[in-house]
Every structure is written in C-alpha cells, then in structure tokens.
C-alpha cells in the first residue's frame, strides 16, 4: 500500500488531466453505471472505493445515488475535493474501511482492486462484504488477462507500479467465496485510441442474505 500511495500521490495531477471526462466516449460503462444505480436506488449510501480524482463518484451522484469517495492517496483526495466541492471524499484504505457492518447499500471498485495481489483479494472482498447490507450491490471493474502490466515512470515521474489483470471467471469465483451472488459479467475489447492495452471487465454482484 505504501508503494501504491506514493505512486498516485506523485502522478495525481497528470492522472486527473489524462482521465478527465473518461466516460464521455465509453457508452457501455455509462450504461453499466446506470444499471447499477437503478439496482441500488437513492435510499442507501454508496462508497466509491479507490475514487481517484472523483470522476466516477460525481457521475454516480448525477445518477441520483447518495455516494462518497475514498482513496488511499492524499493528493487524489485533494483533487477530488477541489473538483467536486459539494461531494464527500475521505482518505483511507479500502482494506480497512472506517465503516460499520452492513452500513452501505452499494460498493463500487472501479479499477481499484488492480493493485491488490491475488492472495489478498479474498480479504479485500470480505471487507466489501462486511460493510454491505444484505442485498447490497457491488460493481467491480478491472482489466482482463493473466500477466500484470508494469508501468514505469509515467509522464516522466520517477515511480513505477504493477497493474494486475484478472480473468472474469476467477474474480466471480472469489466473489462467490466471499458471500456474493454474481449478477452479470461484461467484457469489452480494448480501444487502442483510448490507450487501452487489454480488454475491460465489469462484474455486478449482490451480497447474499
């Protein structure tokens, strides 16, 4: 987590510029987020975990959800608060959430599990399960594949980090083991002009009970 925090603290400003309005040319993602928002509804609280500069948090807010963002990076949280001053953002680890059991109606992990090693994913998903109420909804986004992507010196910054790629069926199995009922699995091919190097996967699941 120390390496991940340092990486995103360092690149935060460039990252926010590069991924600004990331949903504008991604109709499938917008449709999946809209479906998720309809499933959750406006009554319960949703956490956007690993929120970065808050673009997805703000989009979910625009869909009528009661949502807040949490991120490990202090620099990312500062950006999110500056860009979206009416929304709530907190610094913290999604592996140890400062939330009561069953306190959330929804959890969104939008490419935020990709720095968690495979053997630590069961613990991460158990934490998601803990904070969700029975029937609560989880949306998970990640890149597909078997080999990690090693990103070295992005935008000229002296940092590097591994981005883990997963197989959808592998992730669905881990979610089932953690007490989730998978609802849907969607995979789309990479879009080279958007700088994508792998297909993208999106899993929707519900906490059993």
C-alpha atoms as a PDB file:
ATOM      1  CA  UNK A   1       0.000   0.000   0.000  1.00  0.00           C
ATOM      2  CA  UNK A   2       2.931   2.333   0.641  1.00  0.00           C
ATOM      3  CA  UNK A   3       4.100   1.974  -2.975  1.00  0.00           C
ATOM      4  CA  UNK A   4       0.575   2.464  -4.315  1.00  0.00           C
ATOM      5  CA  UNK A   5       0.031   5.586  -2.225  1.00  0.00           C
ATOM      6  CA  UNK A   6       3.371   7.080  -3.272  1.00  0.00           C
ATOM      7  CA  UNK A   7       2.702   6.275  -6.932  1.00  0.00           C
ATOM      8  CA  UNK A   8      -0.663   8.036  -7.041  1.00  0.00           C
ATOM      9  CA  UNK A   9       0.431  10.940  -4.851  1.00  0.00           C
ATOM     10  CA  UNK A  10       3.198  11.580  -7.391  1.00  0.00           C
ATOM     11  CA  UNK A  11       1.154  11.324 -10.602  1.00  0.00           C
ATOM     12  CA  UNK A  12      -2.157  12.726  -9.322  1.00  0.00           C
ATOM     13  CA  UNK A  13      -2.231  15.942 -11.346  1.00  0.00           C
ATOM     14  CA  UNK A  14      -1.265  14.272 -14.653  1.00  0.00           C
ATOM     15  CA  UNK A  15      -3.627  11.352 -13.995  1.00  0.00           C
ATOM     16  CA  UNK A  16      -6.544  13.697 -13.399  1.00  0.00           C
ATOM     17  CA  UNK A  17      -5.918  15.535 -16.666  1.00  0.00           C
ATOM     18  CA  UNK A  18      -5.456  12.321 -18.660  1.00  0.00           C
ATOM     19  CA  UNK A  19      -8.624  10.644 -17.350  1.00  0.00           C
ATOM     20  CA  UNK A  20     -10.853  13.723 -17.181  1.00  0.00           C
ATOM     21  CA  UNK A  21     -14.274  13.012 -18.716  1.00  0.00           C
ATOM     22  CA  UNK A  22     -13.269   9.362 -19.093  1.00  0.00           C
ATOM     23  CA  UNK A  23     -16.892   8.277 -19.562  1.00  0.00           C
ATOM     24  CA  UNK A  24     -17.626  10.683 -22.423  1.00  0.00           C
ATOM     25  CA  UNK A  25     -16.622   8.155 -25.096  1.00  0.00           C
ATOM     26  CA  UNK A  26     -17.485   4.984 -23.166  1.00  0.00           C
ATOM     27  CA  UNK A  27     -21.218   4.300 -23.648  1.00  0.00           C
ATOM     28  CA  UNK A  28     -21.010   0.753 -22.285  1.00  0.00           C
ATOM     29  CA  UNK A  29     -19.553   1.953 -18.993  1.00  0.00           C
ATOM     30  CA  UNK A  30     -22.215   4.644 -18.712  1.00  0.00           C
ATOM     31  CA  UNK A  31     -24.913   2.032 -19.290  1.00  0.00           C
ATOM     32  CA  UNK A  32     -23.472  -0.296 -16.651  1.00  0.00           C
ATOM     33  CA  UNK A  33     -23.229   2.515 -14.108  1.00  0.00           C
ATOM     34  CA  UNK A  34     -26.829   3.487 -14.866  1.00  0.00           C
ATOM     35  CA  UNK A  35     -27.972  -0.112 -14.374  1.00  0.00           C
ATOM     36  CA  UNK A  36     -26.050  -0.276 -11.108  1.00  0.00           C
ATOM     37  CA  UNK A  37     -27.623   2.989  -9.901  1.00  0.00           C
ATOM     38  CA  UNK A  38     -31.087   1.654 -10.700  1.00  0.00           C
ATOM     39  CA  UNK A  39     -30.394  -1.544  -8.745  1.00  0.00           C
ATOM     40  CA  UNK A  40     -29.112   0.319  -5.684  1.00  0.00           C
ATOM     41  CA  UNK A  41     -31.618   3.168  -5.673  1.00  0.00           C
ATOM     42  CA  UNK A  42     -31.336   6.523  -3.884  1.00  0.00           C
ATOM     43  CA  UNK A  43     -32.177   5.385  -0.347  1.00  0.00           C
ATOM     44  CA  UNK A  44     -28.876   3.831   0.781  1.00  0.00           C
ATOM     45  CA  UNK A  45     -25.275   5.039   0.928  1.00  0.00           C
ATOM     46  CA  UNK A  46     -22.741   4.006  -1.736  1.00  0.00           C
ATOM     47  CA  UNK A  47     -18.946   4.054  -1.390  1.00  0.00           C
ATOM     48  CA  UNK A  48     -16.722   4.628  -4.426  1.00  0.00           C
ATOM     49  CA  UNK A  49     -13.564   2.911  -3.194  1.00  0.00           C
ATOM     50  CA  UNK A  50     -10.325   3.986  -4.818  1.00  0.00           C
ATOM     51  CA  UNK A  51     -12.119   7.036  -6.187  1.00  0.00           C
ATOM     52  CA  UNK A  52      -9.062   8.894  -7.504  1.00  0.00           C
ATOM     53  CA  UNK A  53      -9.989  12.444  -8.566  1.00  0.00           C
ATOM     54  CA  UNK A  54     -13.686  11.678  -8.128  1.00  0.00           C
ATOM     55  CA  UNK A  55     -14.976  11.380 -11.693  1.00  0.00           C
ATOM     56  CA  UNK A  56     -16.959   8.189 -11.068  1.00  0.00           C
ATOM     57  CA  UNK A  57     -18.170   9.479  -7.697  1.00  0.00           C
ATOM     58  CA  UNK A  58     -19.546  12.591  -9.382  1.00  0.00           C
ATOM     59  CA  UNK A  59     -21.164  10.534 -12.151  1.00  0.00           C
ATOM     60  CA  UNK A  60     -22.915   8.319  -9.609  1.00  0.00           C
ATOM     61  CA  UNK A  61     -24.088  11.407  -7.760  1.00  0.00           C
ATOM     62  CA  UNK A  62     -25.526  12.651 -11.034  1.00  0.00           C
ATOM     63  CA  UNK A  63     -27.424   9.365 -11.354  1.00  0.00           C
ATOM     64  CA  UNK A  64     -29.175  10.106  -8.081  1.00  0.00           C
ATOM     65  CA  UNK A  65     -27.134   7.999  -5.664  1.00  0.00           C
ATOM     66  CA  UNK A  66     -26.072   9.052  -2.185  1.00  0.00           C
ATOM     67  CA  UNK A  67     -22.350   8.463  -2.681  1.00  0.00           C
ATOM     68  CA  UNK A  68     -18.974   9.328  -1.202  1.00  0.00           C
ATOM     69  CA  UNK A  69     -15.442   8.624  -2.380  1.00  0.00           C
ATOM     70  CA  UNK A  70     -12.491   7.112  -0.534  1.00  0.00           C
ATOM     71  CA  UNK A  71      -8.903   6.844  -1.728  1.00  0.00           C
ATOM     72  CA  UNK A  72      -5.526   5.891  -0.309  1.00  0.00           C
ATOM     73  CA  UNK A  73      -3.810   8.869  -1.940  1.00  0.00           C
ATOM     74  CA  UNK A  74      -3.901  12.212  -0.133  1.00  0.00           C
ATOM     75  CA  UNK A  75      -3.148  14.026  -3.407  1.00  0.00           C
ATOM     76  CA  UNK A  76      -6.049  12.315  -5.183  1.00  0.00           C
ATOM     77  CA  UNK A  77      -8.460  13.227  -2.382  1.00  0.00           C
ATOM     78  CA  UNK A  78      -7.299  16.855  -2.543  1.00  0.00           C
ATOM     79  CA  UNK A  79      -8.000  16.880  -6.282  1.00  0.00           C
ATOM     80  CA  UNK A  80     -11.403  15.267  -5.829  1.00  0.00           C
ATOM     81  CA  UNK A  81     -12.418  17.819  -3.197  1.00  0.00           C
ATOM     82  CA  UNK A  82     -11.253  20.676  -5.389  1.00  0.00           C
ATOM     83  CA  UNK A  83     -13.058  19.408  -8.484  1.00  0.00           C
ATOM     84  CA  UNK A  84     -16.246  18.327  -6.734  1.00  0.00           C
ATOM     85  CA  UNK A  85     -16.587  20.557  -3.655  1.00  0.00           C
ATOM     86  CA  UNK A  86     -20.184  19.561  -2.907  1.00  0.00           C
ATOM     87  CA  UNK A  87     -19.338  15.853  -2.571  1.00  0.00           C
ATOM     88  CA  UNK A  88     -17.785  13.931   0.309  1.00  0.00           C
ATOM     89  CA  UNK A  89     -14.285  12.471  -0.054  1.00  0.00           C
ATOM     90  CA  UNK A  90     -12.160  10.760   2.578  1.00  0.00           C
ATOM     91  CA  UNK A  91      -8.623   9.418   2.687  1.00  0.00           C
ATOM     92  CA  UNK A  92      -8.299   5.800   3.803  1.00  0.00           C
ATOM     93  CA  UNK A  93      -7.672   2.197   2.871  1.00  0.00           C
ATOM     94  CA  UNK A  94     -10.399   0.077   1.319  1.00  0.00           C
ATOM     95  CA  UNK A  95      -8.809  -2.921   3.038  1.00  0.00           C
ATOM     96  CA  UNK A  96      -9.716  -1.485   6.462  1.00  0.00           C
ATOM     97  CA  UNK A  97     -12.829   0.599   5.920  1.00  0.00           C
ATOM     98  CA  UNK A  98     -13.872   3.002   8.709  1.00  0.00           C
ATOM     99  CA  UNK A  99     -17.471   1.849   8.337  1.00  0.00           C
ATOM    100  CA  UNK A 100     -19.880  -0.173  10.436  1.00  0.00           C
ATOM    101  CA  UNK A 101     -21.000  -3.641   9.404  1.00  0.00           C
ATOM    102  CA  UNK A 102     -23.870  -3.543   6.917  1.00  0.00           C
ATOM    103  CA  UNK A 103     -23.807   0.245   6.636  1.00  0.00           C
ATOM    104  CA  UNK A 104     -23.708   0.513   2.824  1.00  0.00           C
ATOM    105  CA  UNK A 105     -26.226  -0.162   0.079  1.00  0.00           C
ATOM    106  CA  UNK A 106     -23.501  -0.264  -2.545  1.00  0.00           C
ATOM    107  CA  UNK A 107     -19.771  -0.527  -3.163  1.00  0.00           C
ATOM    108  CA  UNK A 108     -18.039   0.491  -6.391  1.00  0.00           C
ATOM    109  CA  UNK A 109     -14.478  -0.659  -7.029  1.00  0.00           C
ATOM    110  CA  UNK A 110     -13.689   0.984 -10.360  1.00  0.00           C
ATOM    111  CA  UNK A 111     -10.239  -0.352 -11.292  1.00  0.00           C
ATOM    112  CA  UNK A 112      -9.173  -0.080  -7.642  1.00  0.00           C
ATOM    113  CA  UNK A 113      -8.568  -3.787  -6.947  1.00  0.00           C
ATOM    114  CA  UNK A 114      -5.886  -3.966  -9.643  1.00  0.00           C
ATOM    115  CA  UNK A 115      -3.005  -3.291  -7.248  1.00  0.00           C
ATOM    116  CA  UNK A 116      -4.077  -5.964  -4.747  1.00  0.00           C
ATOM    117  CA  UNK A 117      -2.103  -9.239  -5.044  1.00  0.00           C
ATOM    118  CA  UNK A 118      -4.174 -12.307  -5.836  1.00  0.00           C
ATOM    119  CA  UNK A 119      -3.687 -13.901  -2.416  1.00  0.00           C
ATOM    120  CA  UNK A 120      -5.018 -10.731  -0.741  1.00  0.00           C
ATOM    121  CA  UNK A 121      -8.195 -10.442  -2.824  1.00  0.00           C
ATOM    122  CA  UNK A 122     -10.244 -12.746  -0.526  1.00  0.00           C
ATOM    123  CA  UNK A 123      -9.577 -10.386   2.372  1.00  0.00           C
ATOM    124  CA  UNK A 124     -10.475  -7.358   0.264  1.00  0.00           C
ATOM    125  CA  UNK A 125     -13.752  -8.898  -0.890  1.00  0.00           C
ATOM    126  CA  UNK A 126     -14.532  -9.960   2.661  1.00  0.00           C
ATOM    127  CA  UNK A 127     -14.196  -6.304   3.688  1.00  0.00           C
ATOM    128  CA  UNK A 128     -16.567  -5.257   0.896  1.00  0.00           C
ATOM    129  CA  UNK A 129     -18.995  -7.936   2.092  1.00  0.00           C
ATOM    130  CA  UNK A 130     -18.735  -6.767   5.705  1.00  0.00           C
ATOM    131  CA  UNK A 131     -19.763  -3.173   5.045  1.00  0.00           C
ATOM    132  CA  UNK A 132     -22.616  -4.016   2.667  1.00  0.00           C
ATOM    133  CA  UNK A 133     -26.117  -4.619   3.936  1.00  0.00           C
ATOM    134  CA  UNK A 134     -27.865  -7.856   2.885  1.00  0.00           C
ATOM    135  CA  UNK A 135     -28.789  -7.486  -0.763  1.00  0.00           C
ATOM    136  CA  UNK A 136     -26.254  -4.668  -1.202  1.00  0.00           C
ATOM    137  CA  UNK A 137     -24.707  -4.284  -4.645  1.00  0.00           C
ATOM    138  CA  UNK A 138     -21.075  -4.425  -5.744  1.00  0.00           C
ATOM    139  CA  UNK A 139     -19.687  -3.170  -9.058  1.00  0.00           C
ATOM    140  CA  UNK A 140     -16.161  -4.243  -9.910  1.00  0.00           C
ATOM    141  CA  UNK A 141     -14.158  -3.021 -12.929  1.00  0.00           C
ATOM    142  CA  UNK A 142     -10.740  -4.328 -13.968  1.00  0.00           C
ATOM    143  CA  UNK A 143      -8.522  -5.211 -16.932  1.00  0.00           C
ATOM    144  CA  UNK A 144      -8.551  -8.806 -18.134  1.00  0.00           C
ATOM    145  CA  UNK A 145      -5.561 -11.045 -18.725  1.00  0.00           C
ATOM    146  CA  UNK A 146      -3.013 -13.236 -16.980  1.00  0.00           C
ATOM    147  CA  UNK A 147       0.135 -11.112 -16.839  1.00  0.00           C
ATOM    148  CA  UNK A 148       0.460  -7.820 -14.936  1.00  0.00           C
ATOM    149  CA  UNK A 149       1.291  -4.563 -16.647  1.00  0.00           C
ATOM    150  CA  UNK A 150       4.338  -2.845 -15.167  1.00  0.00           C
ATOM    151  CA  UNK A 151       4.102   0.913 -15.568  1.00  0.00           C
ATOM    152  CA  UNK A 152       7.437   2.672 -15.206  1.00  0.00           C
ATOM    153  CA  UNK A 153       7.960   6.445 -14.978  1.00  0.00           C
ATOM    154  CA  UNK A 154       4.503   7.569 -16.196  1.00  0.00           C
ATOM    155  CA  UNK A 155       4.541  11.149 -17.521  1.00  0.00           C
ATOM    156  CA  UNK A 156       8.234  11.240 -16.610  1.00  0.00           C
ATOM    157  CA  UNK A 157       7.721  10.792 -12.872  1.00  0.00           C
ATOM    158  CA  UNK A 158      10.288   8.601 -11.021  1.00  0.00           C
ATOM    159  CA  UNK A 159       7.757   5.982  -9.832  1.00  0.00           C
ATOM    160  CA  UNK A 160       6.575   2.563 -11.002  1.00  0.00           C
ATOM    161  CA  UNK A 161       3.789   0.127 -10.142  1.00  0.00           C
ATOM    162  CA  UNK A 162       2.279  -3.195 -11.215  1.00  0.00           C
ATOM    163  CA  UNK A 163      -1.289  -3.315 -12.540  1.00  0.00           C
ATOM    164  CA  UNK A 164      -2.734  -6.799 -12.085  1.00  0.00           C
ATOM    165  CA  UNK A 165      -5.010  -8.219 -14.761  1.00  0.00           C
ATOM    166  CA  UNK A 166      -7.582 -10.889 -13.916  1.00  0.00           C
ATOM    167  CA  UNK A 167      -9.888 -13.375 -15.569  1.00  0.00           C
ATOM    168  CA  UNK A 168     -13.596 -12.585 -15.031  1.00  0.00           C
ATOM    169  CA  UNK A 169     -14.410 -16.171 -14.074  1.00  0.00           C
ATOM    170  CA  UNK A 170     -11.593 -16.088 -11.493  1.00  0.00           C
ATOM    171  CA  UNK A 171     -12.927 -12.887  -9.946  1.00  0.00           C
ATOM    172  CA  UNK A 172     -16.508 -14.184  -9.978  1.00  0.00           C
ATOM    173  CA  UNK A 173     -15.350 -17.296  -8.121  1.00  0.00           C
ATOM    174  CA  UNK A 174     -13.599 -15.214  -5.467  1.00  0.00           C
ATOM    175  CA  UNK A 175     -16.728 -13.094  -5.038  1.00  0.00           C
ATOM    176  CA  UNK A 176     -18.856 -16.203  -4.617  1.00  0.00           C
ATOM    177  CA  UNK A 177     -16.446 -17.493  -1.983  1.00  0.00           C
ATOM    178  CA  UNK A 178     -16.784 -14.154  -0.160  1.00  0.00           C
ATOM    179  CA  UNK A 179     -20.573 -14.441   0.031  1.00  0.00           C
ATOM    180  CA  UNK A 180     -21.662 -12.629  -3.125  1.00  0.00           C
ATOM    181  CA  UNK A 181     -24.110 -13.797  -5.764  1.00  0.00           C
ATOM    182  CA  UNK A 182     -22.741 -12.736  -9.172  1.00  0.00           C
ATOM    183  CA  UNK A 183     -25.377 -10.941 -11.230  1.00  0.00           C
ATOM    184  CA  UNK A 184     -23.666 -10.190 -14.548  1.00  0.00           C
ATOM    185  CA  UNK A 185     -20.269 -10.309 -16.227  1.00  0.00           C
ATOM    186  CA  UNK A 186     -19.461  -7.977 -19.126  1.00  0.00           C
ATOM    187  CA  UNK A 187     -16.245  -7.875 -21.134  1.00  0.00           C
ATOM    188  CA  UNK A 188     -15.444  -5.498 -23.973  1.00  0.00           C
ATOM    189  CA  UNK A 189     -12.406  -5.383 -26.231  1.00  0.00           C
ATOM    190  CA  UNK A 190      -9.715  -2.782 -25.732  1.00  0.00           C
ATOM    191  CA  UNK A 191      -9.956   0.548 -27.519  1.00  0.00           C
ATOM    192  CA  UNK A 192      -6.476   1.395 -28.738  1.00  0.00           C
ATOM    193  CA  UNK A 193      -7.197   5.072 -29.371  1.00  0.00           C
ATOM    194  CA  UNK A 194      -8.051   5.396 -25.679  1.00  0.00           C
ATOM    195  CA  UNK A 195      -4.679   3.937 -24.746  1.00  0.00           C
ATOM    196  CA  UNK A 196      -6.081   0.626 -23.506  1.00  0.00           C
ATOM    197  CA  UNK A 197      -3.744  -2.362 -23.609  1.00  0.00           C
ATOM    198  CA  UNK A 198      -6.206  -5.099 -22.559  1.00  0.00           C
ATOM    199  CA  UNK A 199      -9.931  -5.940 -22.650  1.00  0.00           C
ATOM    200  CA  UNK A 200     -12.006  -4.451 -19.844  1.00  0.00           C
ATOM    201  CA  UNK A 201     -14.276  -6.438 -17.486  1.00  0.00           C
ATOM    202  CA  UNK A 202     -17.188  -5.392 -15.298  1.00  0.00           C
ATOM    203  CA  UNK A 203     -18.821  -7.606 -12.677  1.00  0.00           C
ATOM    204  CA  UNK A 204     -22.081  -6.852 -10.881  1.00  0.00           C
ATOM    205  CA  UNK A 205     -22.811  -8.856  -7.744  1.00  0.00           C
ATOM    206  CA  UNK A 206     -25.179  -8.865  -4.784  1.00  0.00           C
ATOM    207  CA  UNK A 207     -24.455  -9.660  -1.141  1.00  0.00           C
ATOM    208  CA  UNK A 208     -26.401 -12.780  -0.227  1.00  0.00           C
ATOM    209  CA  UNK A 209     -28.945 -12.578   2.527  1.00  0.00           C
END
